[in-house]
């Protein structure tokens, strides 16, 4: 067949060039993608906080974000996206590009509880998110109103509850909240019956606890300790595996006879699972270095928080244990949300 010429080029030359174009284009695209990974970050990453500004999670995130910005060379933007027990933020990040420019601050609710609690969830935390680092931990304190519940220890609380089944009212931040589930686990293991009184906010909860309209609650050390020191409420246990440095005189639930109840509130950082491994590695190194720095620990002291570094190779086992614990708590509490 005659090789016809078109605009001075042979048909064979044009055909060869056309066949080569996809290969060249694919090679260029791959090179550009590799270059973007190596140059990361070229713009400001963002980290989504599933609660309103000003709360413990937000404060902790901003302390870490300031240090991460310096290490990454780009400002890490904190974005608050509260609602639905963290699911609004979780869904947003699960649908974001897997490029390392969108991260999520996630604790028990998003990573361990919500999959069992909510009937409809558009993301799967075990599938959609990759562990980046652990920002910190805060002890939860078992508080009682001394007038309504005149006890000084967990043993005394259990004895009183067994004498009066269902009479002791405990306050929570709502059905399925960490406070609710923690108390449900404790009551189940202690073999006692308590009366659940859910609230829609921390302020009315504490007002009623101080007034004695409810008798007990679990709450974060940062909120509990000022009320304990003022004599308004009494701390009888903390939920950490060892005594909190912020209230060393208060025993743990573990040493009070409940070894399975090592369950502080923790705050981690995750990214999309499909994020390129070199970017994940850089983020993990960044947050690992931050939480290992004594300066970071000092910055958390005023918030009654402590670093809780967990290496990436230990994260899966930790999260698996947490999911089992809180799935059990949801079943015990008998709660689900549409």
C-alpha atoms as a PDB file:
ATOM      1  CA  UNK A   1       0.000   0.000   0.000  1.00  0.00           C
ATOM      2  CA  UNK A   2       1.309   3.401  -0.992  1.00  0.00           C
ATOM      3  CA  UNK A   3       2.422   5.581   1.914  1.00  0.00           C
ATOM      4  CA  UNK A   4       0.470   8.781   1.184  1.00  0.00           C
ATOM      5  CA  UNK A   5       1.714  12.110   2.499  1.00  0.00           C
ATOM      6  CA  UNK A   6      -0.455  14.511   4.443  1.00  0.00           C
ATOM      7  CA  UNK A   7       0.849  18.074   4.872  1.00  0.00           C
ATOM      8  CA  UNK A   8       4.316  16.829   4.014  1.00  0.00           C
ATOM      9  CA  UNK A   9       4.254  13.962   6.550  1.00  0.00           C
ATOM     10  CA  UNK A  10       3.835  10.344   5.579  1.00  0.00           C
ATOM     11  CA  UNK A  11       0.761   8.413   6.723  1.00  0.00           C
ATOM     12  CA  UNK A  12       3.067   5.936   8.505  1.00  0.00           C
ATOM     13  CA  UNK A  13       4.747   8.767  10.477  1.00  0.00           C
ATOM     14  CA  UNK A  14       1.437  10.254  11.533  1.00  0.00           C
ATOM     15  CA  UNK A  15       0.067   6.871  12.608  1.00  0.00           C
ATOM     16  CA  UNK A  16       3.203   6.122  14.636  1.00  0.00           C
ATOM     17  CA  UNK A  17       2.993   9.482  16.384  1.00  0.00           C
ATOM     18  CA  UNK A  18      -0.677   8.967  17.261  1.00  0.00           C
ATOM     19  CA  UNK A  19       0.019   5.543  18.771  1.00  0.00           C
ATOM     20  CA  UNK A  20       2.838   6.962  20.867  1.00  0.00           C
ATOM     21  CA  UNK A  21       0.763   9.817  22.307  1.00  0.00           C
ATOM     22  CA  UNK A  22      -1.062   7.798  25.049  1.00  0.00           C
ATOM     23  CA  UNK A  23       2.267   6.415  26.290  1.00  0.00           C
ATOM     24  CA  UNK A  24       3.837   9.862  26.384  1.00  0.00           C
ATOM     25  CA  UNK A  25       0.765  11.321  28.064  1.00  0.00           C
ATOM     26  CA  UNK A  26       0.670   8.530  30.662  1.00  0.00           C
ATOM     27  CA  UNK A  27       4.369   8.904  31.370  1.00  0.00           C
ATOM     28  CA  UNK A  28       3.975  12.660  31.818  1.00  0.00           C
ATOM     29  CA  UNK A  29       1.000  12.211  34.152  1.00  0.00           C
ATOM     30  CA  UNK A  30       2.901   9.677  36.252  1.00  0.00           C
ATOM     31  CA  UNK A  31       5.918  11.952  36.453  1.00  0.00           C
ATOM     32  CA  UNK A  32       3.707  14.871  37.511  1.00  0.00           C
ATOM     33  CA  UNK A  33       2.048  12.735  40.203  1.00  0.00           C
ATOM     34  CA  UNK A  34       5.404  11.575  41.533  1.00  0.00           C
ATOM     35  CA  UNK A  35       6.633  15.140  41.535  1.00  0.00           C
ATOM     36  CA  UNK A  36       3.581  16.277  43.518  1.00  0.00           C
ATOM     37  CA  UNK A  37       4.232  13.603  46.151  1.00  0.00           C
ATOM     38  CA  UNK A  38       7.901  14.532  46.449  1.00  0.00           C
ATOM     39  CA  UNK A  39       7.077  18.239  46.721  1.00  0.00           C
ATOM     40  CA  UNK A  40       4.328  17.763  49.350  1.00  0.00           C
ATOM     41  CA  UNK A  41       3.045  20.037  50.690  1.00  0.00           C
ATOM     42  CA  UNK A  42       2.883  22.714  48.009  1.00  0.00           C
ATOM     43  CA  UNK A  43      -0.158  24.366  49.626  1.00  0.00           C
ATOM     44  CA  UNK A  44      -1.766  24.507  53.061  1.00  0.00           C
ATOM     45  CA  UNK A  45      -3.176  21.185  54.264  1.00  0.00           C
ATOM     46  CA  UNK A  46      -6.278  21.305  56.431  1.00  0.00           C
ATOM     47  CA  UNK A  47      -7.223  19.329  59.501  1.00  0.00           C
ATOM     48  CA  UNK A  48     -10.928  18.950  60.266  1.00  0.00           C
ATOM     49  CA  UNK A  49     -12.076  19.019  63.905  1.00  0.00           C
ATOM     50  CA  UNK A  50     -15.476  17.350  64.493  1.00  0.00           C
ATOM     51  CA  UNK A  51     -16.432  19.783  67.262  1.00  0.00           C
ATOM     52  CA  UNK A  52     -16.947  23.513  67.708  1.00  0.00           C
ATOM     53  CA  UNK A  53     -14.060  25.887  68.306  1.00  0.00           C
ATOM     54  CA  UNK A  54     -12.923  26.373  71.890  1.00  0.00           C
ATOM     55  CA  UNK A  55     -13.489  22.849  73.204  1.00  0.00           C
ATOM     56  CA  UNK A  56     -10.751  20.442  74.365  1.00  0.00           C
ATOM     57  CA  UNK A  57     -10.421  18.751  70.952  1.00  0.00           C
ATOM     58  CA  UNK A  58     -10.114  22.079  69.167  1.00  0.00           C
ATOM     59  CA  UNK A  59      -7.574  23.454  71.650  1.00  0.00           C
ATOM     60  CA  UNK A  60      -5.435  20.320  71.417  1.00  0.00           C
ATOM     61  CA  UNK A  61      -5.576  20.352  67.618  1.00  0.00           C
ATOM     62  CA  UNK A  62      -4.437  23.959  67.423  1.00  0.00           C
ATOM     63  CA  UNK A  63      -1.478  23.272  69.713  1.00  0.00           C
ATOM     64  CA  UNK A  64      -0.403  20.422  67.428  1.00  0.00           C
ATOM     65  CA  UNK A  65      -1.230  22.309  64.213  1.00  0.00           C
ATOM     66  CA  UNK A  66       1.064  25.187  65.145  1.00  0.00           C
ATOM     67  CA  UNK A  67       3.984  22.786  65.449  1.00  0.00           C
ATOM     68  CA  UNK A  68       3.032  20.795  62.353  1.00  0.00           C
ATOM     69  CA  UNK A  69       2.930  23.994  60.297  1.00  0.00           C
ATOM     70  CA  UNK A  70       6.504  24.803  61.266  1.00  0.00           C
ATOM     71  CA  UNK A  71       7.684  21.293  60.412  1.00  0.00           C
ATOM     72  CA  UNK A  72       5.825  21.000  57.089  1.00  0.00           C
ATOM     73  CA  UNK A  73       6.676  24.508  55.929  1.00  0.00           C
ATOM     74  CA  UNK A  74       3.009  25.286  55.175  1.00  0.00           C
ATOM     75  CA  UNK A  75       0.266  26.561  57.448  1.00  0.00           C
ATOM     76  CA  UNK A  76      -1.948  23.711  58.644  1.00  0.00           C
ATOM     77  CA  UNK A  77      -5.496  25.121  58.556  1.00  0.00           C
ATOM     78  CA  UNK A  78      -7.863  24.018  61.323  1.00  0.00           C
ATOM     79  CA  UNK A  79     -11.480  23.676  60.173  1.00  0.00           C
ATOM     80  CA  UNK A  80     -14.280  23.065  62.698  1.00  0.00           C
ATOM     81  CA  UNK A  81     -17.134  20.916  61.421  1.00  0.00           C
ATOM     82  CA  UNK A  82     -19.321  19.777  64.320  1.00  0.00           C
ATOM     83  CA  UNK A  83     -22.520  17.749  64.413  1.00  0.00           C
ATOM     84  CA  UNK A  84     -23.968  14.230  64.354  1.00  0.00           C
ATOM     85  CA  UNK A  85     -21.474  12.828  66.836  1.00  0.00           C
ATOM     86  CA  UNK A  86     -18.584  13.603  64.516  1.00  0.00           C
ATOM     87  CA  UNK A  87     -20.183  12.050  61.434  1.00  0.00           C
ATOM     88  CA  UNK A  88     -20.441  15.294  59.456  1.00  0.00           C
ATOM     89  CA  UNK A  89     -16.686  15.753  59.696  1.00  0.00           C
ATOM     90  CA  UNK A  90     -16.050  12.047  59.152  1.00  0.00           C
ATOM     91  CA  UNK A  91     -18.130  11.935  55.985  1.00  0.00           C
ATOM     92  CA  UNK A  92     -16.493  15.100  54.650  1.00  0.00           C
ATOM     93  CA  UNK A  93     -12.985  13.725  55.040  1.00  0.00           C
ATOM     94  CA  UNK A  94     -13.960  10.270  53.749  1.00  0.00           C
ATOM     95  CA  UNK A  95     -15.101  11.944  50.511  1.00  0.00           C
ATOM     96  CA  UNK A  96     -12.095  14.260  50.159  1.00  0.00           C
ATOM     97  CA  UNK A  97      -9.225  13.699  47.747  1.00  0.00           C
ATOM     98  CA  UNK A  98      -6.726  11.152  49.047  1.00  0.00           C
ATOM     99  CA  UNK A  99      -3.791  13.488  48.591  1.00  0.00           C
ATOM    100  CA  UNK A 100      -2.730  14.298  52.150  1.00  0.00           C
ATOM    101  CA  UNK A 101      -4.244  17.763  52.071  1.00  0.00           C
ATOM    102  CA  UNK A 102      -7.260  16.828  54.221  1.00  0.00           C
ATOM    103  CA  UNK A 103      -6.872  15.175  57.616  1.00  0.00           C
ATOM    104  CA  UNK A 104      -9.333  14.471  60.420  1.00  0.00           C
ATOM    105  CA  UNK A 105      -9.039  14.622  64.198  1.00  0.00           C
ATOM    106  CA  UNK A 106     -10.833  11.501  65.390  1.00  0.00           C
ATOM    107  CA  UNK A 107     -11.354   9.845  68.746  1.00  0.00           C
ATOM    108  CA  UNK A 108     -13.514   7.015  70.047  1.00  0.00           C
ATOM    109  CA  UNK A 109     -16.732   8.354  68.534  1.00  0.00           C
ATOM    110  CA  UNK A 110     -15.599   8.416  64.909  1.00  0.00           C
ATOM    111  CA  UNK A 111     -13.107   5.548  64.925  1.00  0.00           C
ATOM    112  CA  UNK A 112     -14.653   3.088  67.387  1.00  0.00           C
ATOM    113  CA  UNK A 113     -18.267   3.874  68.321  1.00  0.00           C
ATOM    114  CA  UNK A 114     -20.299   5.362  65.480  1.00  0.00           C
ATOM    115  CA  UNK A 115     -20.162   2.343  63.170  1.00  0.00           C
ATOM    116  CA  UNK A 116     -22.035   0.341  65.833  1.00  0.00           C
ATOM    117  CA  UNK A 117     -24.187   3.222  67.071  1.00  0.00           C
ATOM    118  CA  UNK A 118     -25.617   4.681  63.853  1.00  0.00           C
ATOM    119  CA  UNK A 119     -27.891   2.604  61.648  1.00  0.00           C
ATOM    120  CA  UNK A 120     -26.806   4.525  58.562  1.00  0.00           C
ATOM    121  CA  UNK A 121     -23.197   5.582  58.146  1.00  0.00           C
ATOM    122  CA  UNK A 122     -21.769   6.583  54.784  1.00  0.00           C
ATOM    123  CA  UNK A 123     -18.169   5.811  55.736  1.00  0.00           C
ATOM    124  CA  UNK A 124     -16.352   2.909  57.354  1.00  0.00           C
ATOM    125  CA  UNK A 125     -13.601   4.159  59.681  1.00  0.00           C
ATOM    126  CA  UNK A 126     -11.726   0.856  59.488  1.00  0.00           C
ATOM    127  CA  UNK A 127     -11.634   1.024  55.690  1.00  0.00           C
ATOM    128  CA  UNK A 128     -11.642   4.700  54.741  1.00  0.00           C
ATOM    129  CA  UNK A 129      -9.089   6.117  57.172  1.00  0.00           C
ATOM    130  CA  UNK A 130      -5.368   5.514  57.697  1.00  0.00           C
ATOM    131  CA  UNK A 131      -3.764   6.243  61.046  1.00  0.00           C
ATOM    132  CA  UNK A 132      -1.423   9.243  61.137  1.00  0.00           C
ATOM    133  CA  UNK A 133      -0.760   9.870  64.819  1.00  0.00           C
ATOM    134  CA  UNK A 134      -2.133  10.219  68.343  1.00  0.00           C
ATOM    135  CA  UNK A 135      -2.415  13.799  69.569  1.00  0.00           C
ATOM    136  CA  UNK A 136      -3.114  13.111  73.214  1.00  0.00           C
ATOM    137  CA  UNK A 137      -5.253  11.677  75.967  1.00  0.00           C
ATOM    138  CA  UNK A 138      -7.344  13.049  78.799  1.00  0.00           C
ATOM    139  CA  UNK A 139      -8.532  11.156  81.858  1.00  0.00           C
ATOM    140  CA  UNK A 140     -12.249  10.980  82.518  1.00  0.00           C
ATOM    141  CA  UNK A 141     -13.177  11.391  86.161  1.00  0.00           C
ATOM    142  CA  UNK A 142     -16.023   9.649  87.985  1.00  0.00           C
ATOM    143  CA  UNK A 143     -17.641  12.497  89.902  1.00  0.00           C
ATOM    144  CA  UNK A 144     -20.321  12.310  92.584  1.00  0.00           C
ATOM    145  CA  UNK A 145     -22.293  14.961  94.371  1.00  0.00           C
ATOM    146  CA  UNK A 146     -21.420  14.289  98.047  1.00  0.00           C
ATOM    147  CA  UNK A 147     -24.911  15.253  99.239  1.00  0.00           C
ATOM    148  CA  UNK A 148     -26.827  13.167  96.712  1.00  0.00           C
ATOM    149  CA  UNK A 149     -24.396  10.221  96.647  1.00  0.00           C
ATOM    150  CA  UNK A 150     -22.449  10.214  99.946  1.00  0.00           C
ATOM    151  CA  UNK A 151     -19.630   7.863  98.970  1.00  0.00           C
ATOM    152  CA  UNK A 152     -15.833   8.156  98.962  1.00  0.00           C
ATOM    153  CA  UNK A 153     -14.879   5.203  96.769  1.00  0.00           C
ATOM    154  CA  UNK A 154     -16.015   2.986  93.932  1.00  0.00           C
ATOM    155  CA  UNK A 155     -16.645   0.156  96.408  1.00  0.00           C
ATOM    156  CA  UNK A 156     -18.951   2.397  98.463  1.00  0.00           C
ATOM    157  CA  UNK A 157     -20.765   3.532  95.306  1.00  0.00           C
ATOM    158  CA  UNK A 158     -21.399  -0.058  94.249  1.00  0.00           C
ATOM    159  CA  UNK A 159     -22.611  -1.017  97.716  1.00  0.00           C
ATOM    160  CA  UNK A 160     -25.034   1.916  97.795  1.00  0.00           C
ATOM    161  CA  UNK A 161     -26.316   1.180  94.285  1.00  0.00           C
ATOM    162  CA  UNK A 162     -26.974  -2.446  95.213  1.00  0.00           C
ATOM    163  CA  UNK A 163     -29.016  -1.320  98.220  1.00  0.00           C
ATOM    164  CA  UNK A 164     -31.054   1.054  96.049  1.00  0.00           C
ATOM    165  CA  UNK A 165     -31.247  -0.393  92.496  1.00  0.00           C
ATOM    166  CA  UNK A 166     -32.084   2.282  89.935  1.00  0.00           C
ATOM    167  CA  UNK A 167     -32.211   5.118  92.497  1.00  0.00           C
ATOM    168  CA  UNK A 168     -28.844   6.714  91.720  1.00  0.00           C
ATOM    169  CA  UNK A 169     -29.226   9.020  88.708  1.00  0.00           C
ATOM    170  CA  UNK A 170     -26.255   9.622  86.456  1.00  0.00           C
ATOM    171  CA  UNK A 171     -25.922  12.389  83.898  1.00  0.00           C
ATOM    172  CA  UNK A 172     -24.646  11.940  80.344  1.00  0.00           C
ATOM    173  CA  UNK A 173     -24.133  14.107  77.281  1.00  0.00           C
ATOM    174  CA  UNK A 174     -26.893  12.184  75.512  1.00  0.00           C
ATOM    175  CA  UNK A 175     -27.729   8.655  74.349  1.00  0.00           C
ATOM    176  CA  UNK A 176     -24.696   7.003  72.787  1.00  0.00           C
ATOM    177  CA  UNK A 177     -22.290   9.631  74.109  1.00  0.00           C
ATOM    178  CA  UNK A 178     -18.961   8.606  75.579  1.00  0.00           C
ATOM    179  CA  UNK A 179     -20.300   9.459  79.045  1.00  0.00           C
ATOM    180  CA  UNK A 180     -23.352   7.245  78.538  1.00  0.00           C
ATOM    181  CA  UNK A 181     -21.395   4.286  77.182  1.00  0.00           C
ATOM    182  CA  UNK A 182     -18.669   4.536  79.826  1.00  0.00           C
ATOM    183  CA  UNK A 183     -21.260   4.428  82.603  1.00  0.00           C
ATOM    184  CA  UNK A 184     -23.115   1.553  80.928  1.00  0.00           C
ATOM    185  CA  UNK A 185     -19.897  -0.482  80.799  1.00  0.00           C
ATOM    186  CA  UNK A 186     -19.069   0.338  84.415  1.00  0.00           C
ATOM    187  CA  UNK A 187     -22.583  -0.525  85.658  1.00  0.00           C
ATOM    188  CA  UNK A 188     -22.612  -3.811  83.745  1.00  0.00           C
ATOM    189  CA  UNK A 189     -19.255  -4.932  85.123  1.00  0.00           C
ATOM    190  CA  UNK A 190     -20.136  -3.749  88.632  1.00  0.00           C
ATOM    191  CA  UNK A 191     -23.470  -5.561  88.538  1.00  0.00           C
ATOM    192  CA  UNK A 192     -25.486  -2.468  89.469  1.00  0.00           C
ATOM    193  CA  UNK A 193     -28.485  -0.615  88.074  1.00  0.00           C
ATOM    194  CA  UNK A 194     -28.307   3.159  87.604  1.00  0.00           C
ATOM    195  CA  UNK A 195     -30.827   5.702  86.274  1.00  0.00           C
ATOM    196  CA  UNK A 196     -29.726   7.404  83.032  1.00  0.00           C
ATOM    197  CA  UNK A 197     -30.518  11.119  82.689  1.00  0.00           C
ATOM    198  CA  UNK A 198     -29.320  12.446  79.291  1.00  0.00           C
ATOM    199  CA  UNK A 199     -28.509  16.127  78.717  1.00  0.00           C
ATOM    200  CA  UNK A 200     -27.914  18.156  75.558  1.00  0.00           C
ATOM    201  CA  UNK A 201     -24.999  20.153  76.869  1.00  0.00           C
ATOM    202  CA  UNK A 202     -22.237  20.169  79.459  1.00  0.00           C
ATOM    203  CA  UNK A 203     -23.418  23.379  81.171  1.00  0.00           C
ATOM    204  CA  UNK A 204     -26.903  22.191  82.221  1.00  0.00           C
ATOM    205  CA  UNK A 205     -25.456  18.795  83.136  1.00  0.00           C
ATOM    206  CA  UNK A 206     -22.955  20.309  85.553  1.00  0.00           C
ATOM    207  CA  UNK A 207     -25.536  22.722  86.950  1.00  0.00           C
ATOM    208  CA  UNK A 208     -27.817  19.837  87.890  1.00  0.00           C
ATOM    209  CA  UNK A 209     -24.951  17.715  89.222  1.00  0.00           C
ATOM    210  CA  UNK A 210     -23.755  20.527  91.500  1.00  0.00           C
ATOM    211  CA  UNK A 211     -27.350  21.103  92.649  1.00  0.00           C
ATOM    212  CA  UNK A 212     -27.775  17.389  93.405  1.00  0.00           C
ATOM    213  CA  UNK A 213     -30.588  16.800  90.922  1.00  0.00           C
ATOM    214  CA  UNK A 214     -28.407  14.002  89.529  1.00  0.00           C
ATOM    215  CA  UNK A 215     -25.865  12.123  91.594  1.00  0.00           C
ATOM    216  CA  UNK A 216     -22.914  11.226  89.384  1.00  0.00           C
ATOM    217  CA  UNK A 217     -21.257  11.470  85.990  1.00  0.00           C
ATOM    218  CA  UNK A 218     -18.045  10.769  84.094  1.00  0.00           C
ATOM    219  CA  UNK A 219     -16.418  13.867  82.645  1.00  0.00           C
ATOM    220  CA  UNK A 220     -13.055  15.094  81.384  1.00  0.00           C
ATOM    221  CA  UNK A 221     -10.445  15.998  83.971  1.00  0.00           C
ATOM    222  CA  UNK A 222     -10.182  19.529  82.607  1.00  0.00           C
ATOM    223  CA  UNK A 223     -13.825  20.171  83.571  1.00  0.00           C
ATOM    224  CA  UNK A 224     -13.863  18.011  86.699  1.00  0.00           C
ATOM    225  CA  UNK A 225     -10.812  19.129  88.645  1.00  0.00           C
ATOM    226  CA  UNK A 226     -11.792  22.777  89.318  1.00  0.00           C
ATOM    227  CA  UNK A 227     -15.113  21.567  90.774  1.00  0.00           C
ATOM    228  CA  UNK A 228     -13.349  18.937  92.885  1.00  0.00           C
ATOM    229  CA  UNK A 229     -10.805  21.427  94.223  1.00  0.00           C
ATOM    230  CA  UNK A 230     -13.586  23.858  95.138  1.00  0.00           C
ATOM    231  CA  UNK A 231     -15.301  21.121  97.163  1.00  0.00           C
ATOM    232  CA  UNK A 232     -18.491  21.166  95.091  1.00  0.00           C
ATOM    233  CA  UNK A 233     -18.029  17.631  93.758  1.00  0.00           C
ATOM    234  CA  UNK A 234     -16.005  14.567  94.740  1.00  0.00           C
ATOM    235  CA  UNK A 235     -13.739  12.495  92.461  1.00  0.00           C
ATOM    236  CA  UNK A 236     -13.762   8.797  93.295  1.00  0.00           C
ATOM    237  CA  UNK A 237     -12.022   7.300  90.230  1.00  0.00           C
ATOM    238  CA  UNK A 238     -10.357   8.027  86.900  1.00  0.00           C
ATOM    239  CA  UNK A 239     -10.651   5.987  83.713  1.00  0.00           C
ATOM    240  CA  UNK A 240      -6.957   5.770  82.826  1.00  0.00           C
ATOM    241  CA  UNK A 241      -4.840   2.631  83.265  1.00  0.00           C
ATOM    242  CA  UNK A 242      -2.620   4.424  85.754  1.00  0.00           C
ATOM    243  CA  UNK A 243      -3.320   7.366  88.037  1.00  0.00           C
ATOM    244  CA  UNK A 244      -3.499  10.737  86.369  1.00  0.00           C
ATOM    245  CA  UNK A 245      -0.646  13.096  87.160  1.00  0.00           C
ATOM    246  CA  UNK A 246      -3.255  15.845  87.482  1.00  0.00           C
ATOM    247  CA  UNK A 247      -5.134  14.086  90.278  1.00  0.00           C
ATOM    248  CA  UNK A 248      -2.693  11.502  91.705  1.00  0.00           C
ATOM    249  CA  UNK A 249      -4.752  11.001  94.876  1.00  0.00           C
ATOM    250  CA  UNK A 250      -7.682   9.584  92.871  1.00  0.00           C
ATOM    251  CA  UNK A 251      -7.549   5.821  92.194  1.00  0.00           C
ATOM    252  CA  UNK A 252      -8.249   4.323  88.782  1.00  0.00           C
ATOM    253  CA  UNK A 253     -11.156   2.058  87.913  1.00  0.00           C
ATOM    254  CA  UNK A 254      -8.523  -0.534  87.054  1.00  0.00           C
ATOM    255  CA  UNK A 255      -7.091  -0.581  90.580  1.00  0.00           C
ATOM    256  CA  UNK A 256     -10.644  -0.418  91.951  1.00  0.00           C
ATOM    257  CA  UNK A 257     -11.247  -3.882  90.565  1.00  0.00           C
ATOM    258  CA  UNK A 258     -12.131  -3.286  86.910  1.00  0.00           C
ATOM    259  CA  UNK A 259      -9.076  -4.121  84.756  1.00  0.00           C
ATOM    260  CA  UNK A 260     -11.035  -3.830  81.498  1.00  0.00           C
ATOM    261  CA  UNK A 261     -12.065  -0.223  82.195  1.00  0.00           C
ATOM    262  CA  UNK A 262      -8.908   1.510  81.002  1.00  0.00           C
ATOM    263  CA  UNK A 263     -10.752   3.947  78.740  1.00  0.00           C
ATOM    264  CA  UNK A 264      -9.600   7.560  78.692  1.00  0.00           C
ATOM    265  CA  UNK A 265     -10.680   9.946  75.975  1.00  0.00           C
ATOM    266  CA  UNK A 266      -8.088   9.989  73.184  1.00  0.00           C
ATOM    267  CA  UNK A 267      -7.620  12.161  70.125  1.00  0.00           C
ATOM    268  CA  UNK A 268      -5.977  10.831  66.969  1.00  0.00           C
ATOM    269  CA  UNK A 269      -5.297  12.094  63.446  1.00  0.00           C
ATOM    270  CA  UNK A 270      -6.230  10.140  60.327  1.00  0.00           C
ATOM    271  CA  UNK A 271      -6.106  10.660  56.566  1.00  0.00           C
ATOM    272  CA  UNK A 272      -7.680   8.887  53.617  1.00  0.00           C
ATOM    273  CA  UNK A 273      -6.461   5.285  53.280  1.00  0.00           C
ATOM    274  CA  UNK A 274      -5.562   5.805  49.603  1.00  0.00           C
ATOM    275  CA  UNK A 275      -3.174   8.670  50.427  1.00  0.00           C
ATOM    276  CA  UNK A 276       0.212   8.006  48.750  1.00  0.00           C
ATOM    277  CA  UNK A 277       2.513   6.166  51.137  1.00  0.00           C
ATOM    278  CA  UNK A 278       5.354   8.720  50.969  1.00  0.00           C
ATOM    279  CA  UNK A 279       2.922  11.454  52.057  1.00  0.00           C
ATOM    280  CA  UNK A 280       1.492   9.300  54.838  1.00  0.00           C
ATOM    281  CA  UNK A 281       5.028   8.539  55.977  1.00  0.00           C
ATOM    282  CA  UNK A 282       5.890  12.227  56.154  1.00  0.00           C
ATOM    283  CA  UNK A 283       2.731  13.054  58.102  1.00  0.00           C
ATOM    284  CA  UNK A 284       3.337  10.188  60.515  1.00  0.00           C
ATOM    285  CA  UNK A 285       6.894  11.311  61.109  1.00  0.00           C
ATOM    286  CA  UNK A 286       5.738  14.894  61.630  1.00  0.00           C
ATOM    287  CA  UNK A 287       3.080  14.096  64.218  1.00  0.00           C
ATOM    288  CA  UNK A 288       5.277  11.459  65.854  1.00  0.00           C
ATOM    289  CA  UNK A 289       8.026  14.022  66.365  1.00  0.00           C
ATOM    290  CA  UNK A 290       5.537  16.554  67.727  1.00  0.00           C
ATOM    291  CA  UNK A 291       4.068  14.250  70.366  1.00  0.00           C
ATOM    292  CA  UNK A 292       7.512  13.023  71.454  1.00  0.00           C
ATOM    293  CA  UNK A 293       8.733  16.564  72.140  1.00  0.00           C
ATOM    294  CA  UNK A 294       8.778  17.604  75.838  1.00  0.00           C
ATOM    295  CA  UNK A 295       7.683  21.088  74.795  1.00  0.00           C
ATOM    296  CA  UNK A 296       4.438  19.607  73.454  1.00  0.00           C
ATOM    297  CA  UNK A 297       3.794  17.767  76.739  1.00  0.00           C
ATOM    298  CA  UNK A 298       4.325  21.008  78.624  1.00  0.00           C
ATOM    299  CA  UNK A 299       1.848  22.817  76.370  1.00  0.00           C
ATOM    300  CA  UNK A 300      -0.816  20.199  77.210  1.00  0.00           C
ATOM    301  CA  UNK A 301      -0.355  20.432  80.973  1.00  0.00           C
ATOM    302  CA  UNK A 302      -2.633  23.434  81.391  1.00  0.00           C
ATOM    303  CA  UNK A 303      -5.419  21.517  79.646  1.00  0.00           C
ATOM    304  CA  UNK A 304      -5.065  18.459  81.929  1.00  0.00           C
ATOM    305  CA  UNK A 305      -3.995  16.452  78.874  1.00  0.00           C
ATOM    306  CA  UNK A 306      -0.992  14.273  78.127  1.00  0.00           C
ATOM    307  CA  UNK A 307       0.639  12.982  74.923  1.00  0.00           C
ATOM    308  CA  UNK A 308      -0.066   9.351  74.096  1.00  0.00           C
ATOM    309  CA  UNK A 309       2.309   8.401  71.263  1.00  0.00           C
ATOM    310  CA  UNK A 310       1.328   5.239  69.413  1.00  0.00           C
ATOM    311  CA  UNK A 311       3.601   4.072  66.594  1.00  0.00           C
ATOM    312  CA  UNK A 312       1.891   3.351  63.253  1.00  0.00           C
ATOM    313  CA  UNK A 313       2.779  -0.340  63.458  1.00  0.00           C
ATOM    314  CA  UNK A 314       0.949  -0.582  66.811  1.00  0.00           C
ATOM    315  CA  UNK A 315      -2.075   1.477  65.779  1.00  0.00           C
ATOM    316  CA  UNK A 316      -4.098  -1.342  64.186  1.00  0.00           C
ATOM    317  CA  UNK A 317      -3.996  -3.443  67.352  1.00  0.00           C
ATOM    318  CA  UNK A 318      -4.906  -0.448  69.500  1.00  0.00           C
ATOM    319  CA  UNK A 319      -7.860   0.530  67.303  1.00  0.00           C
ATOM    320  CA  UNK A 320      -9.079  -3.052  67.060  1.00  0.00           C
ATOM    321  CA  UNK A 321      -9.124  -3.313  70.855  1.00  0.00           C
ATOM    322  CA  UNK A 322     -10.967   0.000  71.159  1.00  0.00           C
ATOM    323  CA  UNK A 323     -13.595  -1.011  68.595  1.00  0.00           C
ATOM    324  CA  UNK A 324     -14.329  -4.241  70.441  1.00  0.00           C
ATOM    325  CA  UNK A 325     -14.655  -2.381  73.750  1.00  0.00           C
ATOM    326  CA  UNK A 326     -17.047   0.260  72.476  1.00  0.00           C
ATOM    327  CA  UNK A 327     -19.133  -2.084  70.311  1.00  0.00           C
ATOM    328  CA  UNK A 328     -19.745  -4.034  73.520  1.00  0.00           C
ATOM    329  CA  UNK A 329     -20.687  -0.790  75.287  1.00  0.00           C
ATOM    330  CA  UNK A 330     -23.221   0.099  72.586  1.00  0.00           C
ATOM    331  CA  UNK A 331     -24.811  -3.349  72.940  1.00  0.00           C
ATOM    332  CA  UNK A 332     -24.925  -3.046  76.732  1.00  0.00           C
ATOM    333  CA  UNK A 333     -26.478   0.419  76.539  1.00  0.00           C
ATOM    334  CA  UNK A 334     -29.055  -0.874  74.034  1.00  0.00           C
ATOM    335  CA  UNK A 335     -28.936   2.312  72.001  1.00  0.00           C
ATOM    336  CA  UNK A 336     -28.944   3.026  68.275  1.00  0.00           C
ATOM    337  CA  UNK A 337     -29.433   6.180  66.240  1.00  0.00           C
ATOM    338  CA  UNK A 338     -31.214   6.410  62.879  1.00  0.00           C
END
